[in-house]
Amino acid sequence: MIRFLNPFLSIFITSMVIFSGESFASKDSDPPIDIRNNDIPAQCKRALIWYDDHPGYKGEYVRVLEYCKKYAKDKSPTGFETNPILSDFGSMNGVNTRPRDHIHQGIDIIGPKNQPIIAIADGKVLETTVEDCWGATVIIDHGASKDGKNMIAIYGHVGNFLVEENQIVKRGDIIAKLPEKVKYRCMARVRHLHLQIGQQYCKKEEKDNWGCKYFIKDFYMSLNPHDYWADGANKVTCFERNKVFEKGTITYPFPCNKTN
């Protein structure tokens, strides 16, 4: 009898077997202690919680999940576990597999809901806003980089703010959390932090002017965060409470887990 099934019915049955017993993104509960920060498959599933609320996108979910598992990068330094980077600086593909219109100016780091986001250096909060496309976003002036350039950091696509405008923050302070839900278009249906470092801040009264739509004026000339890690270029550096870091350098925007 099975060989005479309508091919569309056969596909439906196969899909039911694949997806029965669990939601797309494994119900985004708080991460259990056995889920490592750099566990790429687990972090990818948690980042795709949007699809749990949109069950009609099964095929897209599978495609994006496989893309995430294949291309997310574990850049954990020795002795630590860090959240994976899914779309790195300079990438021409977004977190959802689609090509970008312009080369990526930041780093997109995936993670679970309510995960703390920490300041990459000392600084002053310039703005906390909920933008129509980006969603909740924090802008912090981190002063001069080690080579004398301004470091205006965008922490985009966050959830709850834990700082206020004009507040002084220290490296490692919790400034926000990742959102519970993925609601805004620029998040591309994938929960992630977009960290970008520009040099010219757009004041609120300038936001409607050309070239000043998304928080900084040098949108396509941003600094590569990988050039400014405290341990050296391309050496992701984890924040440690009792460690002294060179001024003008940055540390990872998420708490790291020690492995030893």
C-alpha atoms as a PDB file:
ATOM      1  CA  MET A   1       0.000   0.000   0.000  1.00  0.00           C
ATOM      2  CA  ILE A   2       2.782   2.460   0.898  1.00  0.00           C
ATOM      3  CA  ARG A   3       4.195   2.476  -2.629  1.00  0.00           C
ATOM      4  CA  PHE A   4       0.903   3.883  -3.934  1.00  0.00           C
ATOM      5  CA  LEU A   5       0.855   6.886  -1.562  1.00  0.00           C
ATOM      6  CA  ASN A   6       0.475  10.320  -3.054  1.00  0.00           C
ATOM      7  CA  PRO A   7       4.000  11.823  -3.093  1.00  0.00           C
ATOM      8  CA  PHE A   8       2.820  14.913  -1.225  1.00  0.00           C
ATOM      9  CA  LEU A   9       1.312  12.708   1.493  1.00  0.00           C
ATOM     10  CA  SER A  10       4.572  10.826   1.707  1.00  0.00           C
ATOM     11  CA  ILE A  11       6.474  14.079   2.252  1.00  0.00           C
ATOM     12  CA  PHE A  12       3.976  15.086   4.933  1.00  0.00           C
ATOM     13  CA  ILE A  13       4.404  11.777   6.788  1.00  0.00           C
ATOM     14  CA  THR A  14       8.184  12.075   6.608  1.00  0.00           C
ATOM     15  CA  SER A  15       8.010  15.596   7.996  1.00  0.00           C
ATOM     16  CA  MET A  16       5.823  14.407  10.858  1.00  0.00           C
ATOM     17  CA  VAL A  17       8.381  11.743  11.750  1.00  0.00           C
ATOM     18  CA  ILE A  18      11.208  14.277  11.690  1.00  0.00           C
ATOM     19  CA  PHE A  19       9.438  16.944  13.748  1.00  0.00           C
ATOM     20  CA  SER A  20       7.304  14.869  16.118  1.00  0.00           C
ATOM     21  CA  GLY A  21       8.179  14.853  19.784  1.00  0.00           C
ATOM     22  CA  GLU A  22       9.919  18.245  19.974  1.00  0.00           C
ATOM     23  CA  SER A  23       9.520  21.835  18.905  1.00  0.00           C
ATOM     24  CA  PHE A  24      11.809  23.325  16.276  1.00  0.00           C
ATOM     25  CA  ALA A  25      14.117  25.028  18.726  1.00  0.00           C
ATOM     26  CA  SER A  26      13.748  22.671  21.697  1.00  0.00           C
ATOM     27  CA  LYS A  27      11.685  25.111  23.790  1.00  0.00           C
ATOM     28  CA  ASP A  28      14.018  27.878  24.847  1.00  0.00           C
ATOM     29  CA  SER A  29      14.205  27.114  28.540  1.00  0.00           C
ATOM     30  CA  ASP A  30      17.022  28.478  30.657  1.00  0.00           C
ATOM     31  CA  PRO A  31      20.200  26.675  29.600  1.00  0.00           C
ATOM     32  CA  PRO A  32      20.934  23.663  31.822  1.00  0.00           C
ATOM     33  CA  ILE A  33      24.368  23.538  33.390  1.00  0.00           C
ATOM     34  CA  ASP A  34      25.496  20.830  30.962  1.00  0.00           C
ATOM     35  CA  ILE A  35      25.111  23.130  27.944  1.00  0.00           C
ATOM     36  CA  ARG A  36      28.466  24.716  27.218  1.00  0.00           C
ATOM     37  CA  ASN A  37      28.763  28.267  25.935  1.00  0.00           C
ATOM     38  CA  ASN A  38      30.591  27.013  22.866  1.00  0.00           C
ATOM     39  CA  ASP A  39      28.243  24.078  22.163  1.00  0.00           C
ATOM     40  CA  ILE A  40      27.388  25.183  18.637  1.00  0.00           C
ATOM     41  CA  PRO A  41      24.456  22.802  17.878  1.00  0.00           C
ATOM     42  CA  ALA A  42      22.748  23.596  21.199  1.00  0.00           C
ATOM     43  CA  GLN A  43      23.340  27.330  20.884  1.00  0.00           C
ATOM     44  CA  CYS A  44      22.040  27.302  17.309  1.00  0.00           C
ATOM     45  CA  LYS A  45      18.783  25.647  18.399  1.00  0.00           C
ATOM     46  CA  ARG A  46      18.270  28.148  21.195  1.00  0.00           C
ATOM     47  CA  ALA A  47      18.954  31.057  18.843  1.00  0.00           C
ATOM     48  CA  LEU A  48      16.182  29.901  16.504  1.00  0.00           C
ATOM     49  CA  ILE A  49      13.314  30.186  18.995  1.00  0.00           C
ATOM     50  CA  TRP A  50      11.409  32.403  16.485  1.00  0.00           C
ATOM     51  CA  TYR A  51      10.464  29.256  14.591  1.00  0.00           C
ATOM     52  CA  ASP A  52       8.672  27.759  17.595  1.00  0.00           C
ATOM     53  CA  ASP A  53       6.141  30.567  17.260  1.00  0.00           C
ATOM     54  CA  HIS A  54       5.948  30.189  13.471  1.00  0.00           C
ATOM     55  CA  PRO A  55       5.393  26.472  12.746  1.00  0.00           C
ATOM     56  CA  GLY A  56       4.736  27.093   9.062  1.00  0.00           C
ATOM     57  CA  TYR A  57       8.442  27.655   8.411  1.00  0.00           C
ATOM     58  CA  LYS A  58       9.748  24.112   8.902  1.00  0.00           C
ATOM     59  CA  GLY A  59      11.853  24.047   5.762  1.00  0.00           C
ATOM     60  CA  GLU A  60      13.442  27.409   6.509  1.00  0.00           C
ATOM     61  CA  TYR A  61      14.161  26.344  10.091  1.00  0.00           C
ATOM     62  CA  VAL A  62      16.024  23.240   8.917  1.00  0.00           C
ATOM     63  CA  ARG A  63      18.025  25.277   6.398  1.00  0.00           C
ATOM     64  CA  VAL A  64      18.992  28.001   8.881  1.00  0.00           C
ATOM     65  CA  LEU A  65      19.809  25.466  11.607  1.00  0.00           C
ATOM     66  CA  GLU A  66      22.141  23.524   9.328  1.00  0.00           C
ATOM     67  CA  TYR A  67      23.746  26.760   8.183  1.00  0.00           C
ATOM     68  CA  CYS A  68      24.265  27.833  11.782  1.00  0.00           C
ATOM     69  CA  LYS A  69      25.812  24.523  12.793  1.00  0.00           C
ATOM     70  CA  LYS A  70      28.142  24.619   9.787  1.00  0.00           C
ATOM     71  CA  TYR A  71      29.286  28.236   9.865  1.00  0.00           C
ATOM     72  CA  ALA A  72      29.109  29.366  13.508  1.00  0.00           C
ATOM     73  CA  LYS A  73      32.642  29.839  14.834  1.00  0.00           C
ATOM     74  CA  ASP A  74      33.930  28.818  18.234  1.00  0.00           C
ATOM     75  CA  LYS A  75      36.629  31.388  19.024  1.00  0.00           C
ATOM     76  CA  SER A  76      37.011  30.432  22.663  1.00  0.00           C
ATOM     77  CA  PRO A  77      40.454  31.280  24.049  1.00  0.00           C
ATOM     78  CA  THR A  78      42.401  28.599  25.899  1.00  0.00           C
ATOM     79  CA  GLY A  79      40.778  27.827  29.246  1.00  0.00           C
ATOM     80  CA  PHE A  80      37.406  29.397  28.404  1.00  0.00           C
ATOM     81  CA  GLU A  81      34.140  28.772  26.571  1.00  0.00           C
ATOM     82  CA  THR A  82      32.549  31.646  24.657  1.00  0.00           C
ATOM     83  CA  ASN A  83      29.320  32.030  22.702  1.00  0.00           C
ATOM     84  CA  PRO A  84      29.745  31.272  18.979  1.00  0.00           C
ATOM     85  CA  ILE A  85      30.035  33.988  16.331  1.00  0.00           C
ATOM     86  CA  LEU A  86      27.633  33.253  13.467  1.00  0.00           C
ATOM     87  CA  SER A  87      28.280  36.193  11.130  1.00  0.00           C
ATOM     88  CA  ASP A  88      31.728  37.655  11.588  1.00  0.00           C
ATOM     89  CA  PHE A  89      33.189  41.025  10.674  1.00  0.00           C
ATOM     90  CA  GLY A  90      33.604  41.231   6.896  1.00  0.00           C
ATOM     91  CA  SER A  91      31.085  38.484   6.159  1.00  0.00           C
ATOM     92  CA  MET A  92      28.816  38.834   3.134  1.00  0.00           C
ATOM     93  CA  ASN A  93      26.191  36.510   4.638  1.00  0.00           C
ATOM     94  CA  GLY A  94      23.822  37.229   7.488  1.00  0.00           C
ATOM     95  CA  VAL A  95      22.817  35.036  10.397  1.00  0.00           C
ATOM     96  CA  ASN A  96      19.930  33.677   8.330  1.00  0.00           C
ATOM     97  CA  THR A  97      22.101  32.466   5.377  1.00  0.00           C
ATOM     98  CA  ARG A  98      21.035  35.336   3.105  1.00  0.00           C
ATOM     99  CA  PRO A  99      23.572  37.535   1.287  1.00  0.00           C
ATOM    100  CA  ARG A 100      24.112  41.024   2.650  1.00  0.00           C
ATOM    101  CA  ASP A 101      23.872  44.242   0.651  1.00  0.00           C
ATOM    102  CA  HIS A 102      27.117  45.436   2.219  1.00  0.00           C
ATOM    103  CA  ILE A 103      30.054  43.805   3.954  1.00  0.00           C
ATOM    104  CA  HIS A 104      29.275  43.125   7.617  1.00  0.00           C
ATOM    105  CA  GLN A 105      30.515  45.860   9.946  1.00  0.00           C
ATOM    106  CA  GLY A 106      30.227  43.994  13.236  1.00  0.00           C
ATOM    107  CA  ILE A 107      30.155  40.548  14.785  1.00  0.00           C
ATOM    108  CA  ASP A 108      26.918  38.620  15.410  1.00  0.00           C
ATOM    109  CA  ILE A 109      27.073  36.365  18.475  1.00  0.00           C
ATOM    110  CA  ILE A 110      24.263  33.883  19.240  1.00  0.00           C
ATOM    111  CA  GLY A 111      22.995  32.894  22.657  1.00  0.00           C
ATOM    112  CA  PRO A 112      20.018  31.892  24.842  1.00  0.00           C
ATOM    113  CA  LYS A 113      17.312  34.166  26.191  1.00  0.00           C
ATOM    114  CA  ASN A 114      18.169  36.489  29.078  1.00  0.00           C
ATOM    115  CA  GLN A 115      21.900  35.830  28.817  1.00  0.00           C
ATOM    116  CA  PRO A 116      23.776  38.819  30.308  1.00  0.00           C
ATOM    117  CA  ILE A 117      25.569  41.158  27.906  1.00  0.00           C
ATOM    118  CA  ILE A 118      28.588  42.910  29.420  1.00  0.00           C
ATOM    119  CA  ALA A 119      30.483  46.076  28.564  1.00  0.00           C
ATOM    120  CA  ILE A 120      33.549  45.432  26.416  1.00  0.00           C
ATOM    121  CA  ALA A 121      35.455  48.295  28.111  1.00  0.00           C
ATOM    122  CA  ASP A 122      34.944  51.228  30.457  1.00  0.00           C
ATOM    123  CA  GLY A 123      32.679  53.895  29.022  1.00  0.00           C
ATOM    124  CA  LYS A 124      29.644  56.161  29.109  1.00  0.00           C
ATOM    125  CA  VAL A 125      26.176  55.167  27.892  1.00  0.00           C
ATOM    126  CA  LEU A 126      25.173  57.535  25.098  1.00  0.00           C
ATOM    127  CA  GLU A 127      21.807  56.027  24.218  1.00  0.00           C
ATOM    128  CA  THR A 128      19.322  53.301  25.047  1.00  0.00           C
ATOM    129  CA  THR A 129      16.623  53.050  22.416  1.00  0.00           C
ATOM    130  CA  VAL A 130      14.168  50.696  20.745  1.00  0.00           C
ATOM    131  CA  GLU A 131      14.621  51.167  17.007  1.00  0.00           C
ATOM    132  CA  ASP A 132      11.970  50.030  14.514  1.00  0.00           C
ATOM    133  CA  CYS A 133      14.229  47.487  12.792  1.00  0.00           C
ATOM    134  CA  TRP A 134      17.027  46.801  15.262  1.00  0.00           C
ATOM    135  CA  GLY A 135      14.895  46.570  18.372  1.00  0.00           C
ATOM    136  CA  ALA A 136      16.438  47.426  21.749  1.00  0.00           C
ATOM    137  CA  THR A 137      19.939  48.836  21.319  1.00  0.00           C
ATOM    138  CA  VAL A 138      22.579  50.313  23.629  1.00  0.00           C
ATOM    139  CA  ILE A 139      25.247  52.770  22.440  1.00  0.00           C
ATOM    140  CA  ILE A 140      28.341  53.259  24.624  1.00  0.00           C
ATOM    141  CA  ASP A 141      31.304  55.588  24.157  1.00  0.00           C
ATOM    142  CA  HIS A 142      34.317  53.529  25.180  1.00  0.00           C
ATOM    143  CA  GLY A 143      36.820  56.328  24.647  1.00  0.00           C
ATOM    144  CA  ALA A 144      39.974  56.005  22.563  1.00  0.00           C
ATOM    145  CA  SER A 145      41.273  52.716  21.245  1.00  0.00           C
ATOM    146  CA  LYS A 146      44.883  51.685  21.788  1.00  0.00           C
ATOM    147  CA  ASP A 147      45.725  53.245  18.406  1.00  0.00           C
ATOM    148  CA  GLY A 148      43.899  56.491  19.134  1.00  0.00           C
ATOM    149  CA  LYS A 149      40.616  55.887  17.325  1.00  0.00           C
ATOM    150  CA  ASN A 150      37.209  56.530  18.877  1.00  0.00           C
ATOM    151  CA  MET A 151      35.328  53.424  20.025  1.00  0.00           C
ATOM    152  CA  ILE A 152      31.571  54.008  19.873  1.00  0.00           C
ATOM    153  CA  ALA A 153      30.067  50.555  20.425  1.00  0.00           C
ATOM    154  CA  ILE A 154      26.639  49.459  19.244  1.00  0.00           C
ATOM    155  CA  TYR A 155      25.126  46.593  21.223  1.00  0.00           C
ATOM    156  CA  GLY A 156      22.215  45.755  18.939  1.00  0.00           C
ATOM    157  CA  HIS A 157      19.164  43.447  19.166  1.00  0.00           C
ATOM    158  CA  VAL A 158      19.198  43.185  22.962  1.00  0.00           C
ATOM    159  CA  GLY A 159      16.302  42.637  25.367  1.00  0.00           C
ATOM    160  CA  ASN A 160      16.027  44.368  28.732  1.00  0.00           C
ATOM    161  CA  PHE A 161      18.209  47.413  29.374  1.00  0.00           C
ATOM    162  CA  LEU A 162      20.187  47.310  32.613  1.00  0.00           C
ATOM    163  CA  VAL A 163      21.806  50.735  32.179  1.00  0.00           C
ATOM    164  CA  GLU A 164      20.554  54.261  31.578  1.00  0.00           C
ATOM    165  CA  GLU A 165      21.694  57.058  29.301  1.00  0.00           C
ATOM    166  CA  ASN A 166      24.684  59.032  30.673  1.00  0.00           C
ATOM    167  CA  GLN A 167      25.557  56.210  33.079  1.00  0.00           C
ATOM    168  CA  ILE A 168      29.249  55.419  33.553  1.00  0.00           C
ATOM    169  CA  VAL A 169      30.014  51.711  33.144  1.00  0.00           C
ATOM    170  CA  LYS A 170      33.067  49.600  33.827  1.00  0.00           C
ATOM    171  CA  ARG A 171      34.388  46.778  31.696  1.00  0.00           C
ATOM    172  CA  GLY A 172      32.422  43.643  32.560  1.00  0.00           C
ATOM    173  CA  ASP A 173      29.328  45.447  33.900  1.00  0.00           C
ATOM    174  CA  ILE A 174      26.058  43.907  32.789  1.00  0.00           C
ATOM    175  CA  ILE A 175      24.411  46.416  30.447  1.00  0.00           C
ATOM    176  CA  ALA A 176      21.539  44.358  28.994  1.00  0.00           C
ATOM    177  CA  LYS A 177      20.296  40.836  28.356  1.00  0.00           C
ATOM    178  CA  LEU A 178      19.509  38.905  25.217  1.00  0.00           C
ATOM    179  CA  PRO A 179      15.775  39.036  24.433  1.00  0.00           C
ATOM    180  CA  GLU A 180      13.294  36.290  25.155  1.00  0.00           C
ATOM    181  CA  LYS A 181      11.592  36.756  21.781  1.00  0.00           C
ATOM    182  CA  VAL A 182      12.882  37.653  18.326  1.00  0.00           C
ATOM    183  CA  LYS A 183      10.532  40.387  17.145  1.00  0.00           C
ATOM    184  CA  TYR A 184      12.362  42.861  14.938  1.00  0.00           C
ATOM    185  CA  ARG A 185      13.199  42.582  11.245  1.00  0.00           C
ATOM    186  CA  CYS A 186      16.915  43.332  11.556  1.00  0.00           C
ATOM    187  CA  MET A 187      17.295  40.358  13.903  1.00  0.00           C
ATOM    188  CA  ALA A 188      16.683  38.124  10.856  1.00  0.00           C
ATOM    189  CA  ARG A 189      14.716  35.556  12.909  1.00  0.00           C
ATOM    190  CA  VAL A 190      17.865  34.576  14.831  1.00  0.00           C
ATOM    191  CA  ARG A 191      18.536  35.707  18.396  1.00  0.00           C
ATOM    192  CA  HIS A 192      21.966  37.299  18.512  1.00  0.00           C
ATOM    193  CA  LEU A 193      23.937  40.280  19.711  1.00  0.00           C
ATOM    194  CA  HIS A 194      25.247  42.582  17.009  1.00  0.00           C
ATOM    195  CA  LEU A 195      28.433  44.237  18.289  1.00  0.00           C
ATOM    196  CA  GLN A 196      29.773  47.044  16.118  1.00  0.00           C
ATOM    197  CA  ILE A 197      32.418  49.689  16.813  1.00  0.00           C
ATOM    198  CA  GLY A 198      32.199  53.006  15.006  1.00  0.00           C
ATOM    199  CA  GLN A 199      33.966  56.313  15.491  1.00  0.00           C
ATOM    200  CA  GLN A 200      31.301  58.983  14.926  1.00  0.00           C
ATOM    201  CA  TYR A 201      28.113  58.889  16.993  1.00  0.00           C
ATOM    202  CA  CYS A 202      24.831  60.092  15.520  1.00  0.00           C
ATOM    203  CA  LYS A 203      23.079  62.307  18.011  1.00  0.00           C
ATOM    204  CA  LYS A 204      19.345  61.787  18.334  1.00  0.00           C
ATOM    205  CA  GLU A 205      18.554  64.988  16.466  1.00  0.00           C
ATOM    206  CA  GLU A 206      20.698  63.774  13.553  1.00  0.00           C
ATOM    207  CA  LYS A 207      19.016  60.417  13.081  1.00  0.00           C
ATOM    208  CA  ASP A 208      16.888  61.427  10.098  1.00  0.00           C
ATOM    209  CA  ASN A 209      19.821  62.791   8.125  1.00  0.00           C
ATOM    210  CA  TRP A 210      21.472  60.856   5.299  1.00  0.00           C
ATOM    211  CA  GLY A 211      24.240  58.551   6.490  1.00  0.00           C
ATOM    212  CA  CYS A 212      23.081  58.690  10.092  1.00  0.00           C
ATOM    213  CA  LYS A 213      20.254  56.206  10.270  1.00  0.00           C
ATOM    214  CA  TYR A 214      21.762  53.527  12.493  1.00  0.00           C
ATOM    215  CA  PHE A 215      23.542  55.183  15.421  1.00  0.00           C
ATOM    216  CA  ILE A 216      26.916  56.001  13.844  1.00  0.00           C
ATOM    217  CA  LYS A 217      27.963  58.066  10.836  1.00  0.00           C
ATOM    218  CA  ASP A 218      30.753  55.766   9.646  1.00  0.00           C
ATOM    219  CA  PHE A 219      28.383  52.851   9.137  1.00  0.00           C
ATOM    220  CA  TYR A 220      30.459  51.157   6.414  1.00  0.00           C
ATOM    221  CA  MET A 221      33.867  52.091   7.859  1.00  0.00           C
ATOM    222  CA  SER A 222      33.547  50.587  11.323  1.00  0.00           C
ATOM    223  CA  LEU A 223      36.477  49.190  13.277  1.00  0.00           C
ATOM    224  CA  ASN A 224      37.082  45.460  13.224  1.00  0.00           C
ATOM    225  CA  PRO A 225      36.574  44.297  16.844  1.00  0.00           C
ATOM    226  CA  HIS A 226      39.101  41.525  16.283  1.00  0.00           C
ATOM    227  CA  ASP A 227      41.871  44.133  16.017  1.00  0.00           C
ATOM    228  CA  TYR A 228      41.281  45.320  19.579  1.00  0.00           C
ATOM    229  CA  TRP A 229      41.093  42.273  21.852  1.00  0.00           C
ATOM    230  CA  ALA A 230      43.077  42.785  25.049  1.00  0.00           C
ATOM    231  CA  ASP A 231      45.209  39.693  24.391  1.00  0.00           C
ATOM    232  CA  GLY A 232      46.100  40.877  20.884  1.00  0.00           C
ATOM    233  CA  ALA A 233      44.638  41.012  17.398  1.00  0.00           C
ATOM    234  CA  ASN A 234      42.382  38.053  16.553  1.00  0.00           C
ATOM    235  CA  LYS A 235      42.756  36.682  20.087  1.00  0.00           C
ATOM    236  CA  VAL A 236      39.297  36.766  21.653  1.00  0.00           C
ATOM    237  CA  THR A 237      39.732  37.839  25.273  1.00  0.00           C
ATOM    238  CA  CYS A 238      37.393  36.924  28.114  1.00  0.00           C
ATOM    239  CA  PHE A 239      36.655  39.354  30.918  1.00  0.00           C
ATOM    240  CA  GLU A 240      38.056  38.353  34.302  1.00  0.00           C
ATOM    241  CA  ARG A 241      37.048  40.348  37.355  1.00  0.00           C
ATOM    242  CA  ASN A 242      40.477  40.476  39.009  1.00  0.00           C
ATOM    243  CA  LYS A 243      42.537  40.999  35.876  1.00  0.00           C
ATOM    244  CA  VAL A 244      43.900  44.361  34.689  1.00  0.00           C
ATOM    245  CA  PHE A 245      43.338  45.040  30.978  1.00  0.00           C
ATOM    246  CA  GLU A 246      45.109  47.565  28.790  1.00  0.00           C
ATOM    247  CA  LYS A 247      43.114  50.720  28.182  1.00  0.00           C
ATOM    248  CA  GLY A 248      41.846  51.013  24.629  1.00  0.00           C
ATOM    249  CA  THR A 249      41.305  47.270  24.243  1.00  0.00           C
ATOM    250  CA  ILE A 250      38.116  45.208  24.449  1.00  0.00           C
ATOM    251  CA  THR A 251      36.918  41.959  26.010  1.00  0.00           C
ATOM    252  CA  TYR A 252      34.104  39.616  24.939  1.00  0.00           C
ATOM    253  CA  PRO A 253      30.569  41.016  25.352  1.00  0.00           C
ATOM    254  CA  PHE A 254      29.322  37.848  27.085  1.00  0.00           C
ATOM    255  CA  PRO A 255      30.570  36.228  30.304  1.00  0.00           C
ATOM    256  CA  CYS A 256      32.848  33.293  29.547  1.00  0.00           C
ATOM    257  CA  ASN A 257      32.897  29.976  31.356  1.00  0.00           C
ATOM    258  CA  LYS A 258      36.231  28.697  32.602  1.00  0.00           C
ATOM    259  CA  THR A 259      37.103  25.167  31.566  1.00  0.00           C
ATOM    260  CA  ASN A 260      39.736  24.480  34.195  1.00  0.00           C
END
